[in-house]
Amino acid sequence: MAPLIRRDAENSEVHPFSLWVGNVGNSVTESDLLAVFSRFGALDCFISYSSRSFAFVYFRRGEDARAAREALQGMVVLGTPMKIEFARPERLTVFLLGWD
């Protein structure tokens, strides 16, 4: 597992290889998102929760995740601007294990 880094004054941990992508429009498909994010580097995993309008994108390299976040923040995909953050461990745990 990649080392955790610290983020902002809240001192909450983030995973530097994983992105949380929010505000994903209902008409945006998994293929649409894969096409957008894979331009920035090799992906380890991609998990889409279309019913909840978000996804997790896991890059193999932290530099690729950072570049994607910077370049794509607010990008409009099929009429909806995406919100992108580094994934926090508690988000990853809750959604990967299926807890709600």
PDB file of N, CA and C in Angstrom:
ATOM      1  N   MET A   1       0.841  -1.178   0.000  1.00  0.00           N
ATOM      2  CA  MET A   1       0.000   0.000   0.000  1.00  0.00           C
ATOM      3  C   MET A   1       0.885   1.240   0.000  1.00  0.00           C
ATOM      4  N   ALA A   2       0.471   2.248  -0.698  1.00  0.00           N
ATOM      5  CA  ALA A   2       1.234   3.495  -0.780  1.00  0.00           C
ATOM      6  C   ALA A   2       1.196   4.225   0.554  1.00  0.00           C
ATOM      7  N   PRO A   3       2.237   4.995   0.850  1.00  0.00           N
ATOM      8  CA  PRO A   3       2.238   5.742   2.106  1.00  0.00           C
ATOM      9  C   PRO A   3       1.165   6.819   2.100  1.00  0.00           C
ATOM     10  N   LEU A   4       0.649   7.107   3.287  1.00  0.00           N
ATOM     11  CA  LEU A   4      -0.353   8.153   3.411  1.00  0.00           C
ATOM     12  C   LEU A   4       0.333   9.494   3.577  1.00  0.00           C
ATOM     13  N   ILE A   5      -0.300  10.539   3.086  1.00  0.00           N
ATOM     14  CA  ILE A   5       0.237  11.884   3.261  1.00  0.00           C
ATOM     15  C   ILE A   5      -0.786  12.721   4.009  1.00  0.00           C
ATOM     16  N   ARG A   6      -0.345  13.816   4.575  1.00  0.00           N
ATOM     17  CA  ARG A   6      -1.238  14.689   5.333  1.00  0.00           C
ATOM     18  C   ARG A   6      -1.775  15.794   4.434  1.00  0.00           C
ATOM     19  N   ARG A   7      -3.008  16.211   4.701  1.00  0.00           N
ATOM     20  CA  ARG A   7      -3.638  17.251   3.897  1.00  0.00           C
ATOM     21  C   ARG A   7      -4.266  18.300   4.800  1.00  0.00           C
ATOM     22  N   ASP A   8      -4.145  19.522   4.487  1.00  0.00           N
ATOM     23  CA  ASP A   8      -4.738  20.719   5.071  1.00  0.00           C
ATOM     24  C   ASP A   8      -4.722  20.772   6.600  1.00  0.00           C
ATOM     25  N   ALA A   9      -5.308  21.824   7.132  1.00  0.00           N
ATOM     26  CA  ALA A   9      -5.267  22.093   8.566  1.00  0.00           C
ATOM     27  C   ALA A   9      -6.036  21.064   9.375  1.00  0.00           C
ATOM     28  N   GLU A  10      -6.960  20.368   8.755  1.00  0.00           N
ATOM     29  CA  GLU A  10      -7.713  19.343   9.468  1.00  0.00           C
ATOM     30  C   GLU A  10      -6.840  18.140   9.783  1.00  0.00           C
ATOM     31  N   ASN A  11      -5.681  18.060   9.131  1.00  0.00           N
ATOM     32  CA  ASN A  11      -4.751  16.965   9.349  1.00  0.00           C
ATOM     33  C   ASN A  11      -5.352  15.616   8.957  1.00  0.00           C
ATOM     34  N   SER A  12      -6.271  15.616   8.017  1.00  0.00           N
ATOM     35  CA  SER A  12      -6.860  14.362   7.566  1.00  0.00           C
ATOM     36  C   SER A  12      -5.946  13.720   6.531  1.00  0.00           C
ATOM     37  N   GLU A  13      -5.898  12.412   6.540  1.00  0.00           N
ATOM     38  CA  GLU A  13      -5.019  11.690   5.629  1.00  0.00           C
ATOM     39  C   GLU A  13      -5.705  11.489   4.285  1.00  0.00           C
ATOM     40  N   VAL A  14      -4.896  11.477   3.241  1.00  0.00           N
ATOM     41  CA  VAL A  14      -5.403  11.188   1.905  1.00  0.00           C
ATOM     42  C   VAL A  14      -4.498  10.151   1.263  1.00  0.00           C
ATOM     43  N   HIS A  15      -5.010   9.470   0.270  1.00  0.00           N
ATOM     44  CA  HIS A  15      -4.239   8.474  -0.464  1.00  0.00           C
ATOM     45  C   HIS A  15      -3.795   9.124  -1.767  1.00  0.00           C
ATOM     46  N   PRO A  16      -2.486   9.324  -1.978  1.00  0.00           N
ATOM     47  CA  PRO A  16      -2.005  10.117  -3.115  1.00  0.00           C
ATOM     48  C   PRO A  16      -2.163   9.466  -4.487  1.00  0.00           C
ATOM     49  N   PHE A  17      -2.579   8.210  -4.551  1.00  0.00           N
ATOM     50  CA  PHE A  17      -2.751   7.537  -5.831  1.00  0.00           C
ATOM     51  C   PHE A  17      -4.228   7.439  -6.217  1.00  0.00           C
ATOM     52  N   SER A  18      -5.121   7.742  -5.288  1.00  0.00           N
ATOM     53  CA  SER A  18      -6.550   7.514  -5.482  1.00  0.00           C
ATOM     54  C   SER A  18      -7.327   8.818  -5.493  1.00  0.00           C
ATOM     55  N   LEU A  19      -8.228   8.933  -6.453  1.00  0.00           N
ATOM     56  CA  LEU A  19      -9.061  10.124  -6.564  1.00  0.00           C
ATOM     57  C   LEU A  19     -10.524   9.764  -6.360  1.00  0.00           C
ATOM     58  N   TRP A  20     -11.217  10.639  -5.653  1.00  0.00           N
ATOM     59  CA  TRP A  20     -12.662  10.571  -5.548  1.00  0.00           C
ATOM     60  C   TRP A  20     -13.192  11.570  -6.570  1.00  0.00           C
ATOM     61  N   VAL A  21     -14.104  11.125  -7.425  1.00  0.00           N
ATOM     62  CA  VAL A  21     -14.666  11.976  -8.473  1.00  0.00           C
ATOM     63  C   VAL A  21     -16.154  12.128  -8.198  1.00  0.00           C
ATOM     64  N   GLY A  22     -16.563  13.339  -7.886  1.00  0.00           N
ATOM     65  CA  GLY A  22     -17.957  13.594  -7.558  1.00  0.00           C
ATOM     66  C   GLY A  22     -18.653  14.429  -8.608  1.00  0.00           C
ATOM     67  N   ASN A  23     -19.959  14.537  -8.435  1.00  0.00           N
ATOM     68  CA  ASN A  23     -20.802  15.315  -9.334  1.00  0.00           C
ATOM     69  C   ASN A  23     -20.761  14.752 -10.755  1.00  0.00           C
ATOM     70  N   VAL A  24     -20.745  13.439 -10.838  1.00  0.00           N
ATOM     71  CA  VAL A  24     -20.738  12.763 -12.138  1.00  0.00           C
ATOM     72  C   VAL A  24     -22.185  12.701 -12.631  1.00  0.00           C
ATOM     73  N   GLY A  25     -22.429  13.267 -13.790  1.00  0.00           N
ATOM     74  CA  GLY A  25     -23.782  13.309 -14.337  1.00  0.00           C
ATOM     75  C   GLY A  25     -24.344  11.926 -14.634  1.00  0.00           C
ATOM     76  N   ASN A  26     -25.665  11.818 -14.595  1.00  0.00           N
ATOM     77  CA  ASN A  26     -26.340  10.538 -14.841  1.00  0.00           C
ATOM     78  C   ASN A  26     -26.067   9.974 -16.223  1.00  0.00           C
ATOM     79  N   SER A  27     -25.817  10.847 -17.195  1.00  0.00           N
ATOM     80  CA  SER A  27     -25.591  10.371 -18.559  1.00  0.00           C
ATOM     81  C   SER A  27     -24.131   9.994 -18.820  1.00  0.00           C
ATOM     82  N   VAL A  28     -23.247  10.242 -17.851  1.00  0.00           N
ATOM     83  CA  VAL A  28     -21.829   9.910 -18.009  1.00  0.00           C
ATOM     84  C   VAL A  28     -21.638   8.421 -17.735  1.00  0.00           C
ATOM     85  N   THR A  29     -21.018   7.728 -18.680  1.00  0.00           N
ATOM     86  CA  THR A  29     -20.789   6.292 -18.522  1.00  0.00           C
ATOM     87  C   THR A  29     -19.399   6.019 -17.953  1.00  0.00           C
ATOM     88  N   GLU A  30     -19.210   4.795 -17.524  1.00  0.00           N
ATOM     89  CA  GLU A  30     -17.897   4.368 -17.046  1.00  0.00           C
ATOM     90  C   GLU A  30     -16.857   4.540 -18.153  1.00  0.00           C
ATOM     91  N   SER A  31     -17.233   4.232 -19.377  1.00  0.00           N
ATOM     92  CA  SER A  31     -16.321   4.392 -20.519  1.00  0.00           C
ATOM     93  C   SER A  31     -15.918   5.850 -20.718  1.00  0.00           C
ATOM     94  N   ASP A  32     -16.867   6.766 -20.521  1.00  0.00           N
ATOM     95  CA  ASP A  32     -16.555   8.198 -20.635  1.00  0.00           C
ATOM     96  C   ASP A  32     -15.482   8.590 -19.626  1.00  0.00           C
ATOM     97  N   LEU A  33     -15.664   8.182 -18.376  1.00  0.00           N
ATOM     98  CA  LEU A  33     -14.710   8.536 -17.327  1.00  0.00           C
ATOM     99  C   LEU A  33     -13.357   7.871 -17.544  1.00  0.00           C
ATOM    100  N   LEU A  34     -13.365   6.611 -17.945  1.00  0.00           N
ATOM    101  CA  LEU A  34     -12.096   5.924 -18.214  1.00  0.00           C
ATOM    102  C   LEU A  34     -11.322   6.627 -19.318  1.00  0.00           C
ATOM    103  N   ALA A  35     -12.018   7.068 -20.352  1.00  0.00           N
ATOM    104  CA  ALA A  35     -11.353   7.773 -21.452  1.00  0.00           C
ATOM    105  C   ALA A  35     -10.725   9.074 -20.966  1.00  0.00           C
ATOM    106  N   VAL A  36     -11.404   9.779 -20.077  1.00  0.00           N
ATOM    107  CA  VAL A  36     -10.896  11.053 -19.561  1.00  0.00           C
ATOM    108  C   VAL A  36      -9.681  10.828 -18.663  1.00  0.00           C
ATOM    109  N   PHE A  37      -9.771   9.905 -17.707  1.00  0.00           N
ATOM    110  CA  PHE A  37      -8.711   9.737 -16.714  1.00  0.00           C
ATOM    111  C   PHE A  37      -7.512   8.944 -17.221  1.00  0.00           C
ATOM    112  N   SER A  38      -7.711   8.004 -18.113  1.00  0.00           N
ATOM    113  CA  SER A  38      -6.593   7.173 -18.579  1.00  0.00           C
ATOM    114  C   SER A  38      -5.582   7.962 -19.407  1.00  0.00           C
ATOM    115  N   ARG A  39      -5.944   9.148 -19.860  1.00  0.00           N
ATOM    116  CA  ARG A  39      -4.986   9.997 -20.591  1.00  0.00           C
ATOM    117  C   ARG A  39      -3.824  10.432 -19.708  1.00  0.00           C
ATOM    118  N   PHE A  40      -3.994  10.359 -18.390  1.00  0.00           N
ATOM    119  CA  PHE A  40      -2.979  10.858 -17.461  1.00  0.00           C
ATOM    120  C   PHE A  40      -2.044   9.783 -16.939  1.00  0.00           C
ATOM    121  N   GLY A  41      -2.302   8.529 -17.263  1.00  0.00           N
ATOM    122  CA  GLY A  41      -1.407   7.468 -16.826  1.00  0.00           C
ATOM    123  C   GLY A  41      -2.150   6.160 -16.618  1.00  0.00           C
ATOM    124  N   ALA A  42      -1.371   5.141 -16.278  1.00  0.00           N
ATOM    125  CA  ALA A  42      -1.930   3.802 -16.081  1.00  0.00           C
ATOM    126  C   ALA A  42      -2.819   3.775 -14.839  1.00  0.00           C
ATOM    127  N   LEU A  43      -3.960   3.133 -14.980  1.00  0.00           N
ATOM    128  CA  LEU A  43      -4.899   2.993 -13.873  1.00  0.00           C
ATOM    129  C   LEU A  43      -4.795   1.592 -13.286  1.00  0.00           C
ATOM    130  N   ASP A  44      -4.836   1.518 -11.964  1.00  0.00           N
ATOM    131  CA  ASP A  44      -4.880   0.222 -11.288  1.00  0.00           C
ATOM    132  C   ASP A  44      -6.306  -0.287 -11.193  1.00  0.00           C
ATOM    133  N   CYS A  45      -7.227   0.635 -10.952  1.00  0.00           N
ATOM    134  CA  CYS A  45      -8.601   0.235 -10.691  1.00  0.00           C
ATOM    135  C   CYS A  45      -9.520   1.431 -10.922  1.00  0.00           C
ATOM    136  N   PHE A  46     -10.754   1.130 -11.234  1.00  0.00           N
ATOM    137  CA  PHE A  46     -11.759   2.169 -11.417  1.00  0.00           C
ATOM    138  C   PHE A  46     -13.068   1.619 -10.876  1.00  0.00           C
ATOM    139  N   ILE A  47     -13.692   2.363  -9.972  1.00  0.00           N
ATOM    140  CA  ILE A  47     -14.960   1.923  -9.387  1.00  0.00           C
ATOM    141  C   ILE A  47     -15.968   3.050  -9.540  1.00  0.00           C
ATOM    142  N   SER A  48     -17.075   2.761 -10.200  1.00  0.00           N
ATOM    143  CA  SER A  48     -18.097   3.769 -10.458  1.00  0.00           C
ATOM    144  C   SER A  48     -19.367   3.444  -9.684  1.00  0.00           C
ATOM    145  N   TYR A  49     -19.919   4.455  -9.031  1.00  0.00           N
ATOM    146  CA  TYR A  49     -21.196   4.339  -8.331  1.00  0.00           C
ATOM    147  C   TYR A  49     -22.159   5.305  -9.012  1.00  0.00           C
ATOM    148  N   SER A  50     -22.616   4.934 -10.195  1.00  0.00           N
ATOM    149  CA  SER A  50     -23.430   5.848 -10.999  1.00  0.00           C
ATOM    150  C   SER A  50     -24.719   6.250 -10.294  1.00  0.00           C
ATOM    151  N   SER A  51     -25.280   5.371  -9.481  1.00  0.00           N
ATOM    152  CA  SER A  51     -26.516   5.720  -8.783  1.00  0.00           C
ATOM    153  C   SER A  51     -26.288   6.810  -7.740  1.00  0.00           C
ATOM    154  N   ARG A  52     -25.026   6.985  -7.339  1.00  0.00           N
ATOM    155  CA  ARG A  52     -24.696   8.013  -6.350  1.00  0.00           C
ATOM    156  C   ARG A  52     -23.889   9.159  -6.963  1.00  0.00           C
ATOM    157  N   SER A  53     -23.658   9.116  -8.239  1.00  0.00           N
ATOM    158  CA  SER A  53     -22.975  10.186  -8.977  1.00  0.00           C
ATOM    159  C   SER A  53     -21.529  10.412  -8.570  1.00  0.00           C
ATOM    160  N   PHE A  54     -20.803   9.330  -8.261  1.00  0.00           N
ATOM    161  CA  PHE A  54     -19.378   9.480  -7.986  1.00  0.00           C
ATOM    162  C   PHE A  54     -18.639   8.212  -8.378  1.00  0.00           C
ATOM    163  N   ALA A  55     -17.303   8.334  -8.382  1.00  0.00           N
ATOM    164  CA  ALA A  55     -16.439   7.207  -8.733  1.00  0.00           C
ATOM    165  C   ALA A  55     -15.121   7.346  -7.979  1.00  0.00           C
ATOM    166  N   PHE A  56     -14.385   6.250  -7.901  1.00  0.00           N
ATOM    167  CA  PHE A  56     -13.014   6.258  -7.413  1.00  0.00           C
ATOM    168  C   PHE A  56     -12.117   5.857  -8.573  1.00  0.00           C
ATOM    169  N   VAL A  57     -11.012   6.571  -8.740  1.00  0.00           N
ATOM    170  CA  VAL A  57     -10.034   6.271  -9.781  1.00  0.00           C
ATOM    171  C   VAL A  57      -8.698   6.038  -9.090  1.00  0.00           C
ATOM    172  N   TYR A  58      -8.081   4.891  -9.340  1.00  0.00           N
ATOM    173  CA  TYR A  58      -6.813   4.522  -8.712  1.00  0.00           C
ATOM    174  C   TYR A  58      -5.711   4.499  -9.762  1.00  0.00           C
ATOM    175  N   PHE A  59      -4.753   5.384  -9.617  1.00  0.00           N
ATOM    176  CA  PHE A  59      -3.613   5.441 -10.525  1.00  0.00           C
ATOM    177  C   PHE A  59      -2.462   4.604  -9.980  1.00  0.00           C
ATOM    178  N   ARG A  60      -1.580   4.171 -10.857  1.00  0.00           N
ATOM    179  CA  ARG A  60      -0.375   3.450 -10.424  1.00  0.00           C
ATOM    180  C   ARG A  60       0.669   4.387  -9.853  1.00  0.00           C
ATOM    181  N   ARG A  61       0.636   5.653 -10.293  1.00  0.00           N
ATOM    182  CA  ARG A  61       1.636   6.629  -9.828  1.00  0.00           C
ATOM    183  C   ARG A  61       0.938   7.865  -9.257  1.00  0.00           C
ATOM    184  N   GLY A  62       1.469   8.335  -8.149  1.00  0.00           N
ATOM    185  CA  GLY A  62       0.914   9.522  -7.518  1.00  0.00           C
ATOM    186  C   GLY A  62       0.989  10.755  -8.394  1.00  0.00           C
ATOM    187  N   GLU A  63       2.073  10.872  -9.175  1.00  0.00           N
ATOM    188  CA  GLU A  63       2.224  12.031 -10.063  1.00  0.00           C
ATOM    189  C   GLU A  63       1.090  12.092 -11.080  1.00  0.00           C
ATOM    190  N   ASP A  64       0.674  10.925 -11.555  1.00  0.00           N
ATOM    191  CA  ASP A  64      -0.414  10.877 -12.532  1.00  0.00           C
ATOM    192  C   ASP A  64      -1.737  11.303 -11.897  1.00  0.00           C
ATOM    193  N   ALA A  65      -1.966  10.859 -10.671  1.00  0.00           N
ATOM    194  CA  ALA A  65      -3.190  11.249  -9.958  1.00  0.00           C
ATOM    195  C   ALA A  65      -3.218  12.756  -9.730  1.00  0.00           C
ATOM    196  N   ARG A  66      -2.085  13.319  -9.313  1.00  0.00           N
ATOM    197  CA  ARG A  66      -2.018  14.771  -9.086  1.00  0.00           C
ATOM    198  C   ARG A  66      -2.260  15.544 -10.384  1.00  0.00           C
ATOM    199  N   ALA A  67      -1.639  15.082 -11.470  1.00  0.00           N
ATOM    200  CA  ALA A  67      -1.810  15.760 -12.765  1.00  0.00           C
ATOM    201  C   ALA A  67      -3.268  15.706 -13.220  1.00  0.00           C
ATOM    202  N   ALA A  68      -3.902  14.554 -13.057  1.00  0.00           N
ATOM    203  CA  ALA A  68      -5.304  14.413 -13.453  1.00  0.00           C
ATOM    204  C   ALA A  68      -6.189  15.330 -12.620  1.00  0.00           C
ATOM    205  N   ARG A  69      -5.945  15.368 -11.326  1.00  0.00           N
ATOM    206  CA  ARG A  69      -6.752  16.220 -10.440  1.00  0.00           C
ATOM    207  C   ARG A  69      -6.621  17.689 -10.837  1.00  0.00           C
ATOM    208  N   GLU A  70      -5.407  18.138 -11.062  1.00  0.00           N
ATOM    209  CA  GLU A  70      -5.183  19.541 -11.423  1.00  0.00           C
ATOM    210  C   GLU A  70      -5.814  19.891 -12.770  1.00  0.00           C
ATOM    211  N   ALA A  71      -5.651  19.010 -13.743  1.00  0.00           N
ATOM    212  CA  ALA A  71      -6.133  19.301 -15.096  1.00  0.00           C
ATOM    213  C   ALA A  71      -7.649  19.154 -15.241  1.00  0.00           C
ATOM    214  N   LEU A  72      -8.240  18.241 -14.481  1.00  0.00           N
ATOM    215  CA  LEU A  72      -9.647  17.916 -14.697  1.00  0.00           C
ATOM    216  C   LEU A  72     -10.612  18.550 -13.701  1.00  0.00           C
ATOM    217  N   GLN A  73     -10.094  19.173 -12.652  1.00  0.00           N
ATOM    218  CA  GLN A  73     -10.963  19.788 -11.642  1.00  0.00           C
ATOM    219  C   GLN A  73     -11.936  20.755 -12.307  1.00  0.00           C
ATOM    220  N   GLY A  74     -13.219  20.504 -12.148  1.00  0.00           N
ATOM    221  CA  GLY A  74     -14.242  21.372 -12.731  1.00  0.00           C
ATOM    222  C   GLY A  74     -14.541  21.118 -14.195  1.00  0.00           C
ATOM    223  N   MET A  75     -13.848  20.160 -14.806  1.00  0.00           N
ATOM    224  CA  MET A  75     -14.091  19.857 -16.219  1.00  0.00           C
ATOM    225  C   MET A  75     -15.547  19.423 -16.408  1.00  0.00           C
ATOM    226  N   VAL A  76     -16.164  19.957 -17.438  1.00  0.00           N
ATOM    227  CA  VAL A  76     -17.548  19.616 -17.731  1.00  0.00           C
ATOM    228  C   VAL A  76     -17.565  18.380 -18.625  1.00  0.00           C
ATOM    229  N   VAL A  77     -18.204  17.325 -18.130  1.00  0.00           N
ATOM    230  CA  VAL A  77     -18.354  16.083 -18.893  1.00  0.00           C
ATOM    231  C   VAL A  77     -19.847  15.870 -19.112  1.00  0.00           C
ATOM    232  N   LEU A  78     -20.257  15.931 -20.355  1.00  0.00           N
ATOM    233  CA  LEU A  78     -21.659  15.789 -20.741  1.00  0.00           C
ATOM    234  C   LEU A  78     -22.569  16.700 -19.916  1.00  0.00           C
ATOM    235  N   GLY A  79     -22.144  17.959 -19.780  1.00  0.00           N
ATOM    236  CA  GLY A  79     -22.976  18.974 -19.149  1.00  0.00           C
ATOM    237  C   GLY A  79     -22.840  19.151 -17.650  1.00  0.00           C
ATOM    238  N   THR A  80     -21.984  18.364 -16.997  1.00  0.00           N
ATOM    239  CA  THR A  80     -21.846  18.455 -15.545  1.00  0.00           C
ATOM    240  C   THR A  80     -20.384  18.647 -15.155  1.00  0.00           C
ATOM    241  N   PRO A  81     -20.070  19.681 -14.344  1.00  0.00           N
ATOM    242  CA  PRO A  81     -18.677  19.878 -13.903  1.00  0.00           C
ATOM    243  C   PRO A  81     -18.301  18.879 -12.803  1.00  0.00           C
ATOM    244  N   MET A  82     -17.193  18.187 -12.994  1.00  0.00           N
ATOM    245  CA  MET A  82     -16.738  17.206 -12.009  1.00  0.00           C
ATOM    246  C   MET A  82     -16.051  17.887 -10.835  1.00  0.00           C
ATOM    247  N   LYS A  83     -16.157  17.273  -9.677  1.00  0.00           N
ATOM    248  CA  LYS A  83     -15.416  17.689  -8.494  1.00  0.00           C
ATOM    249  C   LYS A  83     -14.458  16.541  -8.179  1.00  0.00           C
ATOM    250  N   ILE A  84     -13.176  16.858  -8.018  1.00  0.00           N
ATOM    251  CA  ILE A  84     -12.168  15.813  -7.822  1.00  0.00           C
ATOM    252  C   ILE A  84     -11.352  16.109  -6.575  1.00  0.00           C
ATOM    253  N   GLU A  85     -11.228  15.106  -5.715  1.00  0.00           N
ATOM    254  CA  GLU A  85     -10.427  15.207  -4.499  1.00  0.00           C
ATOM    255  C   GLU A  85      -9.585  13.945  -4.369  1.00  0.00           C
ATOM    256  N   PHE A  86      -8.498  14.050  -3.598  1.00  0.00           N
ATOM    257  CA  PHE A  86      -7.790  12.825  -3.253  1.00  0.00           C
ATOM    258  C   PHE A  86      -8.689  12.047  -2.306  1.00  0.00           C
ATOM    259  N   ALA A  87      -8.768  10.737  -2.514  1.00  0.00           N
ATOM    260  CA  ALA A  87      -9.639   9.897  -1.694  1.00  0.00           C
ATOM    261  C   ALA A  87      -9.091   9.798  -0.277  1.00  0.00           C
ATOM    262  N   ARG A  88      -9.979   9.927   0.693  1.00  0.00           N
ATOM    263  CA  ARG A  88      -9.602   9.762   2.095  1.00  0.00           C
ATOM    264  C   ARG A  88      -9.852   8.314   2.496  1.00  0.00           C
ATOM    265  N   PRO A  89      -9.047   7.767   3.384  1.00  0.00           N
ATOM    266  CA  PRO A  89      -9.202   6.361   3.777  1.00  0.00           C
ATOM    267  C   PRO A  89     -10.604   6.008   4.247  1.00  0.00           C
ATOM    268  N   GLU A  90     -11.269   6.890   4.990  1.00  0.00           N
ATOM    269  CA  GLU A  90     -12.606   6.541   5.478  1.00  0.00           C
ATOM    270  C   GLU A  90     -13.597   6.408   4.335  1.00  0.00           C
ATOM    271  N   ARG A  91     -13.464   7.206   3.280  1.00  0.00           N
ATOM    272  CA  ARG A  91     -14.336   7.059   2.108  1.00  0.00           C
ATOM    273  C   ARG A  91     -14.056   5.737   1.410  1.00  0.00           C
ATOM    274  N   LEU A  92     -12.781   5.428   1.249  1.00  0.00           N
ATOM    275  CA  LEU A  92     -12.411   4.186   0.578  1.00  0.00           C
ATOM    276  C   LEU A  92     -12.953   2.989   1.328  1.00  0.00           C
ATOM    277  N   THR A  93     -12.789   2.968   2.639  1.00  0.00           N
ATOM    278  CA  THR A  93     -13.240   1.840   3.450  1.00  0.00           C
ATOM    279  C   THR A  93     -14.746   1.679   3.382  1.00  0.00           C
ATOM    280  N   VAL A  94     -15.475   2.756   3.569  1.00  0.00           N
ATOM    281  CA  VAL A  94     -16.929   2.689   3.577  1.00  0.00           C
ATOM    282  C   VAL A  94     -17.472   2.158   2.266  1.00  0.00           C
ATOM    283  N   PHE A  95     -16.988   2.672   1.152  1.00  0.00           N
ATOM    284  CA  PHE A  95     -17.571   2.284  -0.122  1.00  0.00           C
ATOM    285  C   PHE A  95     -16.993   1.004  -0.696  1.00  0.00           C
ATOM    286  N   LEU A  96     -15.743   0.703  -0.416  1.00  0.00           N
ATOM    287  CA  LEU A  96     -15.183  -0.543  -0.921  1.00  0.00           C
ATOM    288  C   LEU A  96     -15.734  -1.741  -0.170  1.00  0.00           C
ATOM    289  N   LEU A  97     -16.046  -1.565   1.107  1.00  0.00           N
ATOM    290  CA  LEU A  97     -16.604  -2.663   1.887  1.00  0.00           C
ATOM    291  C   LEU A  97     -18.123  -2.697   1.826  1.00  0.00           C
ATOM    292  N   GLY A  98     -18.708  -1.689   1.215  1.00  0.00           N
ATOM    293  CA  GLY A  98     -20.147  -1.678   1.031  1.00  0.00           C
ATOM    294  C   GLY A  98     -20.933  -1.160   2.217  1.00  0.00           C
ATOM    295  N   TRP A  99     -20.268  -0.502   3.152  1.00  0.00           N
ATOM    296  CA  TRP A  99     -20.984   0.074   4.292  1.00  0.00           C
ATOM    297  C   TRP A  99     -21.616   1.367   3.864  1.00  0.00           C
ATOM    298  N   ASP A 100     -22.697   1.698   4.473  1.00  0.00           N
ATOM    299  CA  ASP A 100     -23.396   2.926   4.099  1.00  0.00           C
ATOM    300  C   ASP A 100     -23.744   3.755   5.302  1.00  0.00           C
TER     301      ASP A 100
END
